[in-house]
Amino acid sequence: MATADKLSAREAKRLQTRERLLGAAIAEFKRAGMAEADVGAIVSAAGVAHGTFFFHFPTKEHVLLELEHREEQRIANEFSRFAQRKNDLEAALHEAVRLVVALERRLGALLFKDFLALHFSQTRPPIEDGRDHALIVKMAEQIEQAKAEGRVADDVNPMNSAVFFLLGLYALLTTTTSWPTRAAMLDDYVARTLRSLQA
């Protein structure tokens, strides 16, 4: 039994170290961007040896993959809670916009662009088709439900429409960061998406 307790303590310490490294790496990425981020600064902030970073994250991209997984799950969970309270496609599209804009604020413009660059990188695993991205799946479910209720055209493919909507949203956000008309543009984007889906 003592061995099991010792392993649990070791695993807890490993996870704590990983979390410290992740937090320090995200802070450094926000400051300098992923490409220019200094691993030395990351390990110094985390209080660990240089090699410890690479034990937990083989490359800087692996930090972003971990961050992406966590943020996607966080957003999907928030979106699910919203969808349980409100059954309206327009509100769901606005909520998706709100959640992704909040992600951009949390990450900062520089890290958000790195985050999306990796998200859409050609070097990502080829098995991805959207079904492993929780927000896409949740959006597709909302479109499917509206379709079943006759509020969306019969020929609409919910998964494709969810992908189209989120791709357009990401593109708008990364190209209009400082535009004074951005909020109105996002509202117009939602309105035009709804119009394109209507029965």
C-alpha atoms as a PDB file:
ATOM      1  CA  MET A   1       0.000   0.000   0.000  1.00  0.00           C
ATOM      2  CA  ALA A   2       2.918   2.344   0.722  1.00  0.00           C
ATOM      3  CA  THR A   3       4.103   1.938  -2.879  1.00  0.00           C
ATOM      4  CA  ALA A   4       0.699   3.017  -4.231  1.00  0.00           C
ATOM      5  CA  ASP A   5       0.727   6.092  -1.958  1.00  0.00           C
ATOM      6  CA  LYS A   6       4.275   6.957  -3.066  1.00  0.00           C
ATOM      7  CA  LEU A   7       3.294   6.661  -6.750  1.00  0.00           C
ATOM      8  CA  SER A   8       0.264   8.874  -6.135  1.00  0.00           C
ATOM      9  CA  ALA A   9       2.447  11.537  -4.514  1.00  0.00           C
ATOM     10  CA  ARG A  10       4.928  11.319  -7.409  1.00  0.00           C
ATOM     11  CA  GLU A  11       2.136  11.598  -9.956  1.00  0.00           C
ATOM     12  CA  ALA A  12       0.660  14.588  -8.096  1.00  0.00           C
ATOM     13  CA  LYS A  13       4.064  16.310  -8.139  1.00  0.00           C
ATOM     14  CA  ARG A  14       4.467  15.563 -11.862  1.00  0.00           C
ATOM     15  CA  LEU A  15       1.060  17.080 -12.601  1.00  0.00           C
ATOM     16  CA  GLN A  16       1.849  20.162 -10.490  1.00  0.00           C
ATOM     17  CA  THR A  17       5.101  20.658 -12.397  1.00  0.00           C
ATOM     18  CA  ARG A  18       3.292  20.270 -15.718  1.00  0.00           C
ATOM     19  CA  GLU A  19       0.700  22.875 -14.668  1.00  0.00           C
ATOM     20  CA  ARG A  20       3.411  25.327 -13.599  1.00  0.00           C
ATOM     21  CA  LEU A  21       5.182  24.860 -16.923  1.00  0.00           C
ATOM     22  CA  LEU A  22       1.955  25.272 -18.862  1.00  0.00           C
ATOM     23  CA  GLY A  23       1.102  28.490 -17.015  1.00  0.00           C
ATOM     24  CA  ALA A  24       4.614  29.894 -17.474  1.00  0.00           C
ATOM     25  CA  ALA A  25       4.633  28.926 -21.168  1.00  0.00           C
ATOM     26  CA  ILE A  26       1.264  30.564 -21.810  1.00  0.00           C
ATOM     27  CA  ALA A  27       2.457  33.762 -20.118  1.00  0.00           C
ATOM     28  CA  GLU A  28       5.615  33.764 -22.254  1.00  0.00           C
ATOM     29  CA  PHE A  29       3.612  33.039 -25.431  1.00  0.00           C
ATOM     30  CA  LYS A  30       1.307  35.969 -24.638  1.00  0.00           C
ATOM     31  CA  ARG A  31       4.361  38.194 -24.228  1.00  0.00           C
ATOM     32  CA  ALA A  32       6.406  37.127 -27.243  1.00  0.00           C
ATOM     33  CA  GLY A  33       4.357  34.787 -29.415  1.00  0.00           C
ATOM     34  CA  MET A  34       5.079  31.086 -29.685  1.00  0.00           C
ATOM     35  CA  ALA A  35       7.889  31.326 -32.246  1.00  0.00           C
ATOM     36  CA  GLU A  36       9.841  33.915 -30.223  1.00  0.00           C
ATOM     37  CA  ALA A  37       9.052  32.440 -26.793  1.00  0.00           C
ATOM     38  CA  ASP A  38      12.155  31.694 -24.721  1.00  0.00           C
ATOM     39  CA  VAL A  39      12.140  28.233 -23.109  1.00  0.00           C
ATOM     40  CA  GLY A  40      14.747  29.534 -20.657  1.00  0.00           C
ATOM     41  CA  ALA A  41      12.298  32.178 -19.445  1.00  0.00           C
ATOM     42  CA  ILE A  42       9.569  29.546 -19.154  1.00  0.00           C
ATOM     43  CA  VAL A  43      11.587  27.134 -17.012  1.00  0.00           C
ATOM     44  CA  SER A  44      12.909  29.990 -14.898  1.00  0.00           C
ATOM     45  CA  ALA A  45       9.363  31.209 -14.192  1.00  0.00           C
ATOM     46  CA  ALA A  46       8.239  27.647 -13.420  1.00  0.00           C
ATOM     47  CA  GLY A  47      11.281  27.011 -11.184  1.00  0.00           C
ATOM     48  CA  VAL A  48      12.402  23.832 -12.946  1.00  0.00           C
ATOM     49  CA  ALA A  49      15.419  22.566 -14.884  1.00  0.00           C
ATOM     50  CA  HIS A  50      15.615  23.232 -18.640  1.00  0.00           C
ATOM     51  CA  GLY A  51      15.109  19.577 -19.622  1.00  0.00           C
ATOM     52  CA  THR A  52      11.928  19.369 -17.551  1.00  0.00           C
ATOM     53  CA  PHE A  53      10.098  21.468 -20.130  1.00  0.00           C
ATOM     54  CA  PHE A  54      10.877  18.972 -22.902  1.00  0.00           C
ATOM     55  CA  PHE A  55       9.952  16.028 -20.679  1.00  0.00           C
ATOM     56  CA  HIS A  56       6.427  17.429 -20.397  1.00  0.00           C
ATOM     57  CA  PHE A  57       6.159  19.185 -23.774  1.00  0.00           C
ATOM     58  CA  PRO A  58       8.398  17.821 -26.572  1.00  0.00           C
ATOM     59  CA  THR A  59       7.959  21.093 -28.513  1.00  0.00           C
ATOM     60  CA  LYS A  60       6.429  24.511 -27.935  1.00  0.00           C
ATOM     61  CA  GLU A  61       3.592  23.425 -30.241  1.00  0.00           C
ATOM     62  CA  HIS A  62       2.660  20.757 -27.685  1.00  0.00           C
ATOM     63  CA  VAL A  63       1.920  23.536 -25.189  1.00  0.00           C
ATOM     64  CA  LEU A  64      -0.544  25.015 -27.669  1.00  0.00           C
ATOM     65  CA  LEU A  65      -2.098  21.607 -28.320  1.00  0.00           C
ATOM     66  CA  GLU A  66      -2.694  21.198 -24.586  1.00  0.00           C
ATOM     67  CA  LEU A  67      -4.095  24.715 -24.344  1.00  0.00           C
ATOM     68  CA  GLU A  68      -6.323  24.107 -27.375  1.00  0.00           C
ATOM     69  CA  HIS A  69      -7.728  20.906 -25.878  1.00  0.00           C
ATOM     70  CA  ARG A  70      -8.528  22.609 -22.580  1.00  0.00           C
ATOM     71  CA  GLU A  71     -10.025  25.725 -24.131  1.00  0.00           C
ATOM     72  CA  GLU A  72     -12.153  23.772 -26.607  1.00  0.00           C
ATOM     73  CA  GLN A  73     -13.562  21.673 -23.776  1.00  0.00           C
ATOM     74  CA  ARG A  74     -14.186  24.762 -21.651  1.00  0.00           C
ATOM     75  CA  ILE A  75     -16.031  26.551 -24.463  1.00  0.00           C
ATOM     76  CA  ALA A  76     -18.023  23.433 -25.389  1.00  0.00           C
ATOM     77  CA  ASN A  77     -19.102  22.966 -21.766  1.00  0.00           C
ATOM     78  CA  GLU A  78     -20.211  26.600 -21.504  1.00  0.00           C
ATOM     79  CA  PHE A  79     -22.030  26.355 -24.829  1.00  0.00           C
ATOM     80  CA  SER A  80     -23.793  23.149 -23.709  1.00  0.00           C
ATOM     81  CA  ARG A  81     -25.023  24.831 -20.524  1.00  0.00           C
ATOM     82  CA  PHE A  82     -26.309  27.745 -22.595  1.00  0.00           C
ATOM     83  CA  ALA A  83     -28.051  25.430 -25.085  1.00  0.00           C
ATOM     84  CA  GLN A  84     -29.865  23.626 -22.264  1.00  0.00           C
ATOM     85  CA  ARG A  85     -31.388  26.937 -21.124  1.00  0.00           C
ATOM     86  CA  LYS A  86     -32.191  28.473 -24.491  1.00  0.00           C
ATOM     87  CA  ASN A  87     -33.461  26.779 -27.637  1.00  0.00           C
ATOM     88  CA  ASP A  88     -32.922  29.402 -30.318  1.00  0.00           C
ATOM     89  CA  LEU A  89     -30.460  29.190 -33.201  1.00  0.00           C
ATOM     90  CA  GLU A  90     -29.836  32.938 -33.396  1.00  0.00           C
ATOM     91  CA  ALA A  91     -29.042  33.059 -29.683  1.00  0.00           C
ATOM     92  CA  ALA A  92     -26.780  30.006 -30.086  1.00  0.00           C
ATOM     93  CA  LEU A  93     -24.789  31.683 -32.873  1.00  0.00           C
ATOM     94  CA  HIS A  94     -24.399  34.848 -30.786  1.00  0.00           C
ATOM     95  CA  GLU A  95     -23.301  32.730 -27.811  1.00  0.00           C
ATOM     96  CA  ALA A  96     -20.642  30.994 -29.929  1.00  0.00           C
ATOM     97  CA  VAL A  97     -19.353  34.421 -30.993  1.00  0.00           C
ATOM     98  CA  ARG A  98     -19.318  35.595 -27.359  1.00  0.00           C
ATOM     99  CA  LEU A  99     -17.386  32.514 -26.206  1.00  0.00           C
ATOM    100  CA  VAL A 100     -14.751  32.734 -28.960  1.00  0.00           C
ATOM    101  CA  VAL A 101     -14.303  36.494 -28.391  1.00  0.00           C
ATOM    102  CA  ALA A 102     -13.843  35.735 -24.675  1.00  0.00           C
ATOM    103  CA  LEU A 103     -11.176  33.180 -25.618  1.00  0.00           C
ATOM    104  CA  GLU A 104      -9.413  35.828 -27.708  1.00  0.00           C
ATOM    105  CA  ARG A 105      -9.478  38.185 -24.700  1.00  0.00           C
ATOM    106  CA  ARG A 106      -8.109  35.499 -22.360  1.00  0.00           C
ATOM    107  CA  LEU A 107      -5.273  34.604 -24.714  1.00  0.00           C
ATOM    108  CA  GLY A 108      -4.504  38.069 -26.087  1.00  0.00           C
ATOM    109  CA  ALA A 109      -4.318  38.859 -29.805  1.00  0.00           C
ATOM    110  CA  LEU A 110      -0.810  37.438 -30.316  1.00  0.00           C
ATOM    111  CA  LEU A 111      -1.406  34.067 -28.650  1.00  0.00           C
ATOM    112  CA  PHE A 112      -4.892  33.820 -30.187  1.00  0.00           C
ATOM    113  CA  LYS A 113      -3.366  34.068 -33.673  1.00  0.00           C
ATOM    114  CA  ASP A 114      -0.754  31.408 -32.793  1.00  0.00           C
ATOM    115  CA  PHE A 115      -3.534  29.254 -31.354  1.00  0.00           C
ATOM    116  CA  LEU A 116      -5.532  29.458 -34.589  1.00  0.00           C
ATOM    117  CA  ALA A 117      -2.457  29.016 -36.790  1.00  0.00           C
ATOM    118  CA  LEU A 118      -1.739  25.696 -35.095  1.00  0.00           C
ATOM    119  CA  HIS A 119      -5.446  24.817 -35.103  1.00  0.00           C
ATOM    120  CA  PHE A 120      -5.501  25.058 -38.910  1.00  0.00           C
ATOM    121  CA  SER A 121      -1.955  23.840 -39.548  1.00  0.00           C
ATOM    122  CA  GLN A 122      -1.401  21.337 -42.355  1.00  0.00           C
ATOM    123  CA  THR A 123       0.785  19.332 -39.972  1.00  0.00           C
ATOM    124  CA  ARG A 124      -2.082  18.439 -37.638  1.00  0.00           C
ATOM    125  CA  PRO A 125      -3.085  14.764 -37.519  1.00  0.00           C
ATOM    126  CA  PRO A 126      -4.991  13.829 -40.704  1.00  0.00           C
ATOM    127  CA  ILE A 127      -7.769  11.973 -38.823  1.00  0.00           C
ATOM    128  CA  GLU A 128      -9.467  15.229 -37.854  1.00  0.00           C
ATOM    129  CA  ASP A 129     -12.736  15.969 -39.623  1.00  0.00           C
ATOM    130  CA  GLY A 130     -14.483  18.282 -37.187  1.00  0.00           C
ATOM    131  CA  ARG A 131     -16.078  15.602 -35.011  1.00  0.00           C
ATOM    132  CA  ASP A 132     -13.209  15.810 -32.544  1.00  0.00           C
ATOM    133  CA  HIS A 133     -13.749  19.562 -32.056  1.00  0.00           C
ATOM    134  CA  ALA A 134     -16.400  19.831 -29.371  1.00  0.00           C
ATOM    135  CA  LEU A 135     -17.694  23.302 -30.285  1.00  0.00           C
ATOM    136  CA  ILE A 136     -18.234  22.289 -33.919  1.00  0.00           C
ATOM    137  CA  VAL A 137     -20.218  19.273 -32.752  1.00  0.00           C
ATOM    138  CA  LYS A 138     -22.329  21.368 -30.341  1.00  0.00           C
ATOM    139  CA  MET A 139     -23.026  23.970 -33.037  1.00  0.00           C
ATOM    140  CA  ALA A 140     -24.001  21.220 -35.494  1.00  0.00           C
ATOM    141  CA  GLU A 141     -26.440  19.836 -32.908  1.00  0.00           C
ATOM    142  CA  GLN A 142     -28.122  23.251 -32.623  1.00  0.00           C
ATOM    143  CA  ILE A 143     -28.427  23.545 -36.403  1.00  0.00           C
ATOM    144  CA  GLU A 144     -29.768  19.975 -36.625  1.00  0.00           C
ATOM    145  CA  GLN A 145     -32.389  20.743 -33.981  1.00  0.00           C
ATOM    146  CA  ALA A 146     -33.491  23.900 -35.812  1.00  0.00           C
ATOM    147  CA  LYS A 147     -33.645  21.862 -39.022  1.00  0.00           C
ATOM    148  CA  ALA A 148     -35.882  19.250 -37.348  1.00  0.00           C
ATOM    149  CA  GLU A 149     -38.172  22.088 -36.249  1.00  0.00           C
ATOM    150  CA  GLY A 150     -38.417  23.400 -39.812  1.00  0.00           C
ATOM    151  CA  ARG A 151     -36.473  26.607 -39.121  1.00  0.00           C
ATOM    152  CA  VAL A 152     -33.500  25.542 -41.268  1.00  0.00           C
ATOM    153  CA  ALA A 153     -33.654  24.401 -44.896  1.00  0.00           C
ATOM    154  CA  ASP A 154     -33.868  20.652 -45.549  1.00  0.00           C
ATOM    155  CA  ASP A 155     -30.735  20.628 -47.710  1.00  0.00           C
ATOM    156  CA  VAL A 156     -28.508  22.160 -44.984  1.00  0.00           C
ATOM    157  CA  ASN A 157     -25.718  19.901 -43.732  1.00  0.00           C
ATOM    158  CA  PRO A 158     -25.445  20.817 -40.009  1.00  0.00           C
ATOM    159  CA  MET A 159     -21.810  19.722 -39.602  1.00  0.00           C
ATOM    160  CA  ASN A 160     -20.683  21.631 -42.696  1.00  0.00           C
ATOM    161  CA  SER A 161     -22.642  24.712 -41.621  1.00  0.00           C
ATOM    162  CA  ALA A 162     -21.075  24.621 -38.143  1.00  0.00           C
ATOM    163  CA  VAL A 163     -17.606  24.393 -39.709  1.00  0.00           C
ATOM    164  CA  PHE A 164     -18.361  27.237 -42.154  1.00  0.00           C
ATOM    165  CA  PHE A 165     -19.665  29.447 -39.343  1.00  0.00           C
ATOM    166  CA  LEU A 166     -16.683  28.906 -37.049  1.00  0.00           C
ATOM    167  CA  LEU A 167     -14.095  29.221 -39.827  1.00  0.00           C
ATOM    168  CA  GLY A 168     -15.616  32.541 -40.853  1.00  0.00           C
ATOM    169  CA  LEU A 169     -15.729  33.694 -37.247  1.00  0.00           C
ATOM    170  CA  TYR A 170     -12.063  32.872 -36.666  1.00  0.00           C
ATOM    171  CA  ALA A 171     -11.095  34.659 -39.885  1.00  0.00           C
ATOM    172  CA  LEU A 172     -13.091  37.764 -38.928  1.00  0.00           C
ATOM    173  CA  LEU A 173     -11.574  37.897 -35.462  1.00  0.00           C
ATOM    174  CA  THR A 174      -7.972  37.544 -36.608  1.00  0.00           C
ATOM    175  CA  THR A 175      -8.310  40.185 -39.331  1.00  0.00           C
ATOM    176  CA  THR A 176     -10.391  42.828 -37.531  1.00  0.00           C
ATOM    177  CA  THR A 177      -8.688  42.990 -34.133  1.00  0.00           C
ATOM    178  CA  SER A 178      -8.611  46.780 -33.899  1.00  0.00           C
ATOM    179  CA  TRP A 179     -11.473  47.707 -36.236  1.00  0.00           C
ATOM    180  CA  PRO A 180     -13.964  50.081 -34.583  1.00  0.00           C
ATOM    181  CA  THR A 181     -16.829  48.425 -36.505  1.00  0.00           C
ATOM    182  CA  ARG A 182     -15.947  44.916 -35.394  1.00  0.00           C
ATOM    183  CA  ALA A 183     -18.932  44.345 -33.065  1.00  0.00           C
ATOM    184  CA  ALA A 184     -21.404  45.468 -35.737  1.00  0.00           C
ATOM    185  CA  MET A 185     -19.627  43.282 -38.285  1.00  0.00           C
ATOM    186  CA  LEU A 186     -19.949  40.236 -36.014  1.00  0.00           C
ATOM    187  CA  ASP A 187     -23.665  40.932 -35.539  1.00  0.00           C
ATOM    188  CA  ASP A 188     -24.061  41.197 -39.313  1.00  0.00           C
ATOM    189  CA  TYR A 189     -22.138  37.937 -39.732  1.00  0.00           C
ATOM    190  CA  VAL A 190     -24.593  36.147 -37.432  1.00  0.00           C
ATOM    191  CA  ALA A 191     -27.590  37.684 -39.251  1.00  0.00           C
ATOM    192  CA  ARG A 192     -26.288  36.642 -42.663  1.00  0.00           C
ATOM    193  CA  THR A 193     -25.434  33.136 -41.437  1.00  0.00           C
ATOM    194  CA  LEU A 194     -29.019  32.753 -40.175  1.00  0.00           C
ATOM    195  CA  ARG A 195     -30.384  34.005 -43.486  1.00  0.00           C
ATOM    196  CA  SER A 196     -28.266  31.453 -45.391  1.00  0.00           C
ATOM    197  CA  LEU A 197     -29.652  28.601 -43.262  1.00  0.00           C
ATOM    198  CA  GLN A 198     -33.325  29.540 -43.275  1.00  0.00           C
ATOM    199  CA  ALA A 199     -35.934  27.269 -44.777  1.00  0.00           C
END
